Amino acid sequence: MNLSCLGLSHHTANVGVRERFVVPDGAMDGALQRLRQVPGVDEAVILSTCNRTEFYVAGNVAHFTPDRIIESLWPSASSQDLSCVYHLSGGQTARHLFRVTAGLESMAVGETEVFGQVKRAYQAAVRLGATGKYLNRLFQKSFQVGKQVRSTTGITKGSISVGSVAVDLATQIFGSLKGCKVMLLGAGETSERTARSFHSRAVNQIFVSNRSFERAEKLAESVNGRAIRFDAWEREFIDVDILVSSTAAPHTLVTVAKLEPALRRRRQRPLFIIDLAVPRDVEPAVHNLSGVYLYDLDSLEAMAAKGLEARWREAELGEEVIRRHVQDFDEWMQRTALSTLVSGVMLECPPNP
């Protein structure tokens, strides 16, 4: 039995590539079923977030290449796309997943959202019956490691998230955010953290728009903001200074065609847009509009890297925790393989009568 992980992340691919390989929640079951149809794949888990899409598989996987996995889900993937894909096996797979779950592979090192994202990915695979003994052990071990790294190191001290990095960017642009008007498109986990970060910086004019108006109301209420119906956000942001978009829409929402009429009514007032979505919510050409300044996840990565030095010593302590658990997992794999081999020999060679 072999374990492998392959995928792409913000370390290997820009947001323009990553957005083409997102697996939305609604498509997860179908993607898992197609992945398990690849010869040799017995168990599978797919992790898809704004910064990574990864495939964890167990089975007789030593003979196939990453191309077969990617092409089973995206037949039109180009050779350039495939060049962004990494392939790990055995202990490398365990070490990588442990680092992901602990937040050491994140754009914002030490962020906590990824723990829940890994857990939900695993639960989706379990619900579909796509996991077995090996991936169950691997992922359950990763949750233990993630909790231990966070409880025994200072990796989450002053913890940052993609949302808080976005707010730091806005602070650099405006200096003080007091008096700024902020609109959030989307009311999910990222938007919630972003809204709370803005609120903590004395922003008292926060507008939230979401397809589910009830969710928009709930988030807006938590930050003393105002909810806006999703079909009305374009009319409402005439006086907005900062637009932050983080929805799960499969296509762009903020386009040149939508913005141009509103910009004429803003009278040269600059508009700063921060796109936290993958696939992107904002058409890249929006950046070419006069008075509009667009930032996406790739822009935020450079900012997040500046805060890495302060966390590096704690990250090193986390690496030591992970090293011990990888060794334990490798030893379990070896014992399991030996036990399977012995059982097979005994079945083939029954005792003489």
Protein backbone atom coordinates (compact mmCIF):
# COMPACT_ATOMS: atom_id res chain seq x y z
CA MET A 1 0.00 0.00 0.00
CA ASN A 2 1.33 3.43 -0.97
CA LEU A 3 0.39 6.92 0.13
CA SER A 4 0.71 9.93 -2.14
CA CYS A 5 -0.18 13.61 -2.17
CA LEU A 6 -0.18 15.75 -5.27
CA GLY A 7 -1.49 19.20 -5.92
CA LEU A 8 -0.65 22.84 -6.31
CA SER A 9 -0.62 25.74 -3.87
CA HIS A 10 0.36 29.37 -3.49
CA HIS A 11 3.96 28.12 -3.24
CA THR A 12 3.92 26.73 -6.79
CA ALA A 13 1.14 28.52 -8.71
CA ASN A 14 -0.27 32.03 -8.91
CA VAL A 15 -3.95 32.72 -8.31
CA GLY A 16 -4.66 32.67 -12.05
CA VAL A 17 -3.64 28.99 -12.16
CA ARG A 18 -5.07 27.99 -8.79
CA GLU A 19 -8.55 29.26 -9.62
CA ARG A 20 -8.79 26.82 -12.54
CA PHE A 21 -8.33 23.86 -10.20
CA VAL A 22 -10.73 24.75 -7.40
CA VAL A 23 -13.16 21.99 -6.45
CA PRO A 24 -16.33 23.69 -5.10
CA ASP A 25 -18.26 22.00 -2.30
CA GLY A 26 -21.08 21.16 -4.70
CA ALA A 27 -18.68 19.31 -7.02
CA MET A 28 -16.72 17.48 -4.31
CA ASP A 29 -18.63 14.18 -4.37
CA GLY A 30 -18.34 13.87 -8.14
CA ALA A 31 -14.63 14.72 -8.07
CA LEU A 32 -13.97 12.10 -5.38
CA GLN A 33 -15.85 9.47 -7.37
CA ARG A 34 -13.84 10.24 -10.53
CA LEU A 35 -10.61 10.19 -8.57
CA ARG A 36 -11.35 6.74 -7.15
CA GLN A 37 -11.90 5.46 -10.69
CA VAL A 38 -8.22 6.08 -11.49
CA PRO A 39 -6.53 2.64 -11.57
CA GLY A 40 -4.69 1.97 -8.33
CA VAL A 41 -6.59 4.49 -6.18
CA ASP A 42 -8.39 2.78 -3.29
CA GLU A 43 -8.80 5.75 -0.94
CA ALA A 44 -8.98 9.48 -1.64
CA VAL A 45 -9.42 12.87 0.02
CA ILE A 46 -9.52 16.20 -1.84
CA LEU A 47 -8.55 19.41 -0.06
CA SER A 48 -9.51 22.57 -1.96
CA THR A 49 -9.06 26.05 -0.44
CA CYS A 50 -8.23 29.50 -1.76
CA ASN A 51 -4.52 28.70 -1.53
CA ARG A 52 -4.33 25.02 -2.48
CA THR A 53 -5.96 22.08 -4.23
CA GLU A 54 -4.48 18.78 -3.08
CA PHE A 55 -5.28 15.10 -3.62
CA TYR A 56 -4.39 12.54 -0.96
CA VAL A 57 -4.60 8.96 -2.22
CA ALA A 58 -3.83 5.49 -0.93
CA GLY A 59 -3.54 2.29 -2.94
CA ASN A 60 -1.24 0.81 -5.53
CA VAL A 61 -0.25 4.28 -6.65
CA ALA A 62 3.45 3.84 -7.27
CA HIS A 63 3.02 3.37 -11.02
CA PHE A 64 1.10 6.50 -12.01
CA THR A 65 2.10 10.11 -12.46
CA PRO A 66 0.44 13.33 -11.27
CA ASP A 67 -0.74 13.83 -14.85
CA ARG A 68 -3.19 10.93 -14.52
CA ILE A 69 -4.80 12.38 -11.41
CA ILE A 70 -5.11 15.91 -12.78
CA GLU A 71 -6.30 14.78 -16.20
CA SER A 72 -8.96 12.53 -14.63
CA LEU A 73 -10.61 15.71 -13.32
CA TRP A 74 -9.39 18.34 -15.80
CA PRO A 75 -8.76 16.67 -19.18
CA SER A 76 -7.84 20.00 -20.76
CA ALA A 77 -5.07 20.82 -18.27
CA SER A 78 -2.04 22.23 -20.08
CA SER A 79 1.56 21.15 -19.68
CA GLN A 80 2.24 24.54 -18.10
CA ASP A 81 -0.47 23.88 -15.50
CA LEU A 82 0.96 20.44 -14.79
CA SER A 83 4.39 21.95 -14.20
CA CYS A 84 2.95 23.63 -11.09
CA VAL A 85 1.90 20.29 -9.55
CA TYR A 86 4.00 18.71 -6.80
CA HIS A 87 4.00 14.99 -6.03
CA LEU A 88 4.88 13.57 -2.59
CA SER A 89 4.88 9.98 -1.40
CA GLY A 90 5.20 7.95 1.79
CA GLY A 91 6.56 9.89 4.74
CA GLN A 92 6.67 13.06 2.64
CA THR A 93 2.88 12.88 2.35
CA ALA A 94 2.46 12.58 6.11
CA ARG A 95 4.88 15.44 6.82
CA HIS A 96 3.17 17.69 4.28
CA LEU A 97 -0.34 17.08 5.61
CA PHE A 98 0.83 17.57 9.20
CA ARG A 99 2.39 20.91 8.21
CA VAL A 100 -0.76 21.96 6.34
CA THR A 101 -3.03 21.13 9.27
CA ALA A 102 -0.73 22.91 11.72
CA GLY A 103 -0.75 26.09 9.59
CA LEU A 104 2.93 25.89 8.66
CA GLU A 105 2.20 25.69 4.93
CA SER A 106 -0.26 28.59 4.97
CA MET A 107 0.25 31.94 3.33
CA ALA A 108 -0.33 33.48 6.76
CA VAL A 109 1.81 31.11 8.84
CA GLY A 110 0.00 29.96 11.97
CA GLU A 111 -3.52 30.82 10.76
CA THR A 112 -6.22 28.58 12.16
CA GLU A 113 -8.80 28.40 9.35
CA VAL A 114 -6.94 25.64 7.56
CA PHE A 115 -7.49 23.17 10.43
CA GLY A 116 -11.24 23.35 9.88
CA GLN A 117 -10.81 23.19 6.11
CA VAL A 118 -8.80 19.95 6.37
CA LYS A 119 -11.35 18.50 8.75
CA ARG A 120 -14.25 19.31 6.43
CA ALA A 121 -12.40 17.81 3.44
CA TYR A 122 -11.81 14.59 5.38
CA GLN A 123 -15.42 14.42 6.59
CA ALA A 124 -16.68 14.84 3.00
CA ALA A 125 -14.56 11.87 1.90
CA VAL A 126 -15.66 9.76 4.88
CA ARG A 127 -19.32 10.53 4.15
CA LEU A 128 -18.86 9.26 0.60
CA GLY A 129 -17.01 6.13 1.75
CA ALA A 130 -13.84 7.26 -0.04
CA THR A 131 -11.45 6.64 2.86
CA GLY A 132 -10.16 3.49 4.51
CA LYS A 133 -7.62 2.35 7.06
CA TYR A 134 -4.69 4.34 5.70
CA LEU A 135 -6.17 7.77 5.05
CA ASN A 136 -8.30 7.50 8.18
CA ARG A 137 -5.14 6.99 10.21
CA LEU A 138 -3.26 9.73 8.33
CA PHE A 139 -5.91 12.43 8.73
CA GLN A 140 -6.79 11.58 12.32
CA LYS A 141 -3.11 11.79 13.12
CA SER A 142 -2.90 15.17 11.36
CA PHE A 143 -5.61 16.59 13.64
CA GLN A 144 -3.66 15.41 16.68
CA VAL A 145 -0.49 17.02 15.31
CA GLY A 146 -2.23 20.29 14.43
CA LYS A 147 -3.63 20.63 17.94
CA GLN A 148 -0.31 19.77 19.56
CA VAL A 149 1.67 22.27 17.47
CA ARG A 150 -0.76 25.03 18.39
CA SER A 151 -0.85 24.14 22.09
CA THR A 152 2.90 23.64 22.63
CA THR A 153 4.30 26.50 20.51
CA GLY A 154 3.56 30.19 20.10
CA ILE A 155 2.74 29.76 16.40
CA THR A 156 -0.73 31.29 16.82
CA LYS A 157 0.39 34.15 19.07
CA GLY A 158 -0.92 37.29 17.45
CA SER A 159 -2.41 34.95 14.87
CA ILE A 160 -3.04 36.35 11.43
CA SER A 161 -5.38 35.29 8.67
CA VAL A 162 -5.89 36.22 5.05
CA GLY A 163 -8.56 38.63 6.25
CA SER A 164 -6.28 40.37 8.73
CA VAL A 165 -3.55 40.68 6.08
CA ALA A 166 -6.11 42.36 3.83
CA VAL A 167 -6.91 44.83 6.61
CA ASP A 168 -3.19 45.49 7.11
CA LEU A 169 -2.97 46.31 3.42
CA ALA A 170 -5.89 48.73 3.71
CA THR A 171 -4.19 50.36 6.69
CA GLN A 172 -1.02 50.88 4.67
CA ILE A 173 -3.06 52.55 1.93
CA PHE A 174 -5.18 54.83 4.10
CA GLY A 175 -3.09 55.21 7.22
CA SER A 176 -5.98 55.42 9.66
CA LEU A 177 -9.11 53.48 8.69
CA LYS A 178 -11.32 55.62 10.87
CA GLY A 179 -14.00 57.15 8.69
CA CYS A 180 -13.51 54.67 5.83
CA LYS A 181 -16.54 52.94 4.34
CA VAL A 182 -16.03 49.24 3.68
CA MET A 183 -18.21 46.85 1.71
CA LEU A 184 -17.86 43.07 1.93
CA LEU A 185 -19.20 40.79 -0.79
CA GLY A 186 -19.75 37.39 0.79
CA ALA A 187 -20.51 36.38 4.37
CA GLY A 188 -18.45 33.22 4.78
CA GLU A 189 -15.61 32.48 7.17
CA THR A 190 -13.07 34.68 5.39
CA SER A 191 -15.49 37.60 5.19
CA GLU A 192 -16.35 37.19 8.87
CA ARG A 193 -12.71 37.38 9.94
CA THR A 194 -12.12 40.31 7.62
CA ALA A 195 -15.14 42.18 8.98
CA ARG A 196 -14.01 41.64 12.56
CA SER A 197 -10.50 42.84 11.69
CA PHE A 198 -11.90 46.03 10.14
CA HIS A 199 -14.18 46.53 13.14
CA SER A 200 -11.22 46.18 15.52
CA ARG A 201 -9.47 49.01 13.60
CA ALA A 202 -12.29 51.46 14.40
CA VAL A 203 -14.11 51.07 11.07
CA ASN A 204 -17.73 51.80 11.92
CA GLN A 205 -19.23 51.83 8.44
CA ILE A 206 -19.26 48.22 7.23
CA PHE A 207 -21.73 46.99 4.63
CA VAL A 208 -22.24 43.27 3.97
CA SER A 209 -23.84 41.81 0.85
CA ASN A 210 -24.42 38.10 0.34
CA ARG A 211 -26.70 35.85 -1.70
CA SER A 212 -28.23 34.68 1.56
CA PHE A 213 -29.52 37.94 3.04
CA GLU A 214 -29.99 36.23 6.40
CA ARG A 215 -26.26 35.47 6.60
CA ALA A 216 -25.44 39.02 5.55
CA GLU A 217 -27.67 40.34 8.32
CA LYS A 218 -26.07 38.10 10.92
CA LEU A 219 -22.52 39.16 9.99
CA ALA A 220 -23.45 42.84 9.69
CA GLU A 221 -25.10 42.78 13.10
CA SER A 222 -21.95 41.32 14.71
CA VAL A 223 -19.87 44.34 13.58
CA ASN A 224 -22.56 47.01 13.91
CA GLY A 225 -22.79 47.18 10.14
CA ARG A 226 -25.60 47.09 7.60
CA ALA A 227 -26.72 44.23 5.37
CA ILE A 228 -27.39 44.87 1.68
CA ARG A 229 -29.33 42.60 -0.63
CA PHE A 230 -27.11 40.97 -3.21
CA ASP A 231 -28.94 42.42 -6.18
CA ALA A 232 -28.42 45.94 -4.79
CA TRP A 233 -24.70 46.05 -3.95
CA GLU A 234 -23.76 47.79 -7.21
CA ARG A 235 -26.00 50.74 -6.39
CA GLU A 236 -24.83 50.98 -2.80
CA PHE A 237 -21.07 51.27 -3.15
CA ILE A 238 -20.95 54.75 -4.71
CA ASP A 239 -19.44 56.14 -1.49
CA VAL A 240 -17.45 53.04 -0.50
CA ASP A 241 -13.68 53.41 -0.05
CA ILE A 242 -12.77 49.71 0.15
CA LEU A 243 -14.50 46.76 -1.48
CA VAL A 244 -13.49 43.30 -0.22
CA SER A 245 -14.86 40.32 -2.14
CA SER A 246 -14.80 36.73 -0.94
CA THR A 247 -17.64 34.68 -2.40
CA ALA A 248 -17.88 31.16 -3.77
CA ALA A 249 -19.20 32.33 -7.14
CA PRO A 250 -17.91 30.29 -10.10
CA HIS A 251 -17.53 33.44 -12.23
CA THR A 252 -16.49 37.07 -11.81
CA LEU A 253 -18.96 39.36 -10.06
CA VAL A 254 -17.13 42.68 -10.22
CA THR A 255 -16.51 43.55 -13.86
CA VAL A 256 -15.48 46.56 -15.90
CA ALA A 257 -19.01 46.80 -17.31
CA LYS A 258 -20.51 46.97 -13.81
CA LEU A 259 -17.99 49.41 -12.39
CA GLU A 260 -17.70 51.99 -15.16
CA PRO A 261 -21.18 53.56 -14.67
CA ALA A 262 -20.66 53.77 -10.91
CA LEU A 263 -17.18 55.26 -11.26
CA ARG A 264 -18.56 58.18 -13.26
CA ARG A 265 -20.77 59.03 -10.28
CA ARG A 266 -17.90 58.78 -7.77
CA ARG A 267 -16.26 61.96 -9.13
CA GLN A 268 -12.66 60.68 -9.16
CA ARG A 269 -12.89 59.25 -5.67
CA PRO A 270 -10.42 56.31 -5.56
CA LEU A 271 -11.73 52.79 -4.98
CA PHE A 272 -9.56 50.07 -3.46
CA ILE A 273 -10.64 46.49 -4.16
CA ILE A 274 -9.25 43.44 -2.37
CA ASP A 275 -10.21 40.13 -3.99
CA LEU A 276 -9.86 37.20 -1.56
CA ALA A 277 -11.81 34.70 -3.68
CA VAL A 278 -10.63 31.70 -5.68
CA PRO A 279 -11.88 31.61 -8.40
CA ARG A 280 -11.47 35.38 -8.41
CA ASP A 281 -14.56 37.54 -7.97
CA VAL A 282 -13.04 40.54 -9.70
CA GLU A 283 -12.22 40.75 -13.39
CA PRO A 284 -8.45 41.48 -13.65
CA ALA A 285 -9.09 44.23 -16.23
CA VAL A 286 -10.75 46.26 -13.46
CA HIS A 287 -7.23 47.26 -12.41
CA ASN A 288 -6.94 49.31 -15.62
CA LEU A 289 -9.85 51.58 -14.71
CA SER A 290 -8.88 55.06 -13.63
CA GLY A 291 -9.00 55.49 -9.87
CA VAL A 292 -9.38 51.75 -9.15
CA TYR A 293 -6.64 49.83 -7.32
CA LEU A 294 -7.03 46.05 -7.31
CA TYR A 295 -5.22 43.57 -5.04
CA ASP A 296 -5.63 39.78 -5.05
CA LEU A 297 -4.26 36.89 -2.99
CA ASP A 298 -0.91 37.02 -4.77
CA SER A 299 -0.57 40.65 -3.67
CA LEU A 300 -1.29 39.68 -0.06
CA GLU A 301 1.26 36.87 -0.03
CA ALA A 302 4.17 39.34 -0.16
CA MET A 303 2.70 41.19 2.82
CA ALA A 304 2.19 38.00 4.81
CA ALA A 305 5.83 37.03 4.22
CA LYS A 306 6.98 40.15 6.07
CA GLY A 307 5.46 38.85 9.28
CA LEU A 308 7.03 35.41 8.89
CA GLU A 309 10.32 36.25 10.63
CA ALA A 310 8.63 36.84 13.97
CA ARG A 311 7.01 33.38 13.79
CA TRP A 312 9.93 31.42 12.43
CA ARG A 313 11.34 30.25 15.76
CA GLU A 314 7.91 28.98 16.83
CA ALA A 315 7.53 27.32 13.43
CA GLU A 316 10.81 25.50 14.02
CA LEU A 317 9.47 24.16 17.32
CA GLY A 318 6.40 23.00 15.41
CA GLU A 319 8.64 21.22 12.89
CA GLU A 320 10.18 19.19 15.71
CA VAL A 321 6.72 18.08 16.87
CA ILE A 322 5.88 17.10 13.30
CA ARG A 323 9.14 15.18 12.83
CA ARG A 324 8.34 12.92 15.79
CA HIS A 325 4.82 12.24 14.56
CA VAL A 326 6.02 11.48 11.01
CA GLN A 327 8.39 8.90 12.49
CA ASP A 328 5.52 7.35 14.48
CA PHE A 329 3.32 7.23 11.39
CA ASP A 330 6.09 5.64 9.28
CA GLU A 331 6.59 2.96 11.93
CA TRP A 332 2.83 2.25 11.92
CA MET A 333 2.89 1.91 8.12
CA GLN A 334 5.80 -0.54 8.32
CA ARG A 335 4.11 -2.65 11.01
CA THR A 336 0.87 -2.70 9.01
CA ALA A 337 2.68 -3.71 5.80
CA LEU A 338 4.54 -6.50 7.63
CA SER A 339 1.33 -7.76 9.22
CA THR A 340 -0.40 -7.82 5.82
CA LEU A 341 2.54 -9.69 4.27
CA VAL A 342 2.61 -12.32 7.03
CA SER A 343 -1.14 -12.84 6.78
CA GLY A 344 -0.85 -13.32 3.02
CA VAL A 345 1.93 -15.90 3.38
CA MET A 346 -0.05 -17.85 5.94
CA LEU A 347 -3.08 -17.98 3.64
CA GLU A 348 -0.96 -19.19 0.72
CA CYS A 349 0.87 -21.82 2.78
CA PRO A 350 -1.60 -23.67 5.04
CA PRO A 351 -0.07 -26.07 7.57
CA ASN A 352 0.44 -29.69 6.50
CA PRO A 353 -2.27 -32.05 7.68
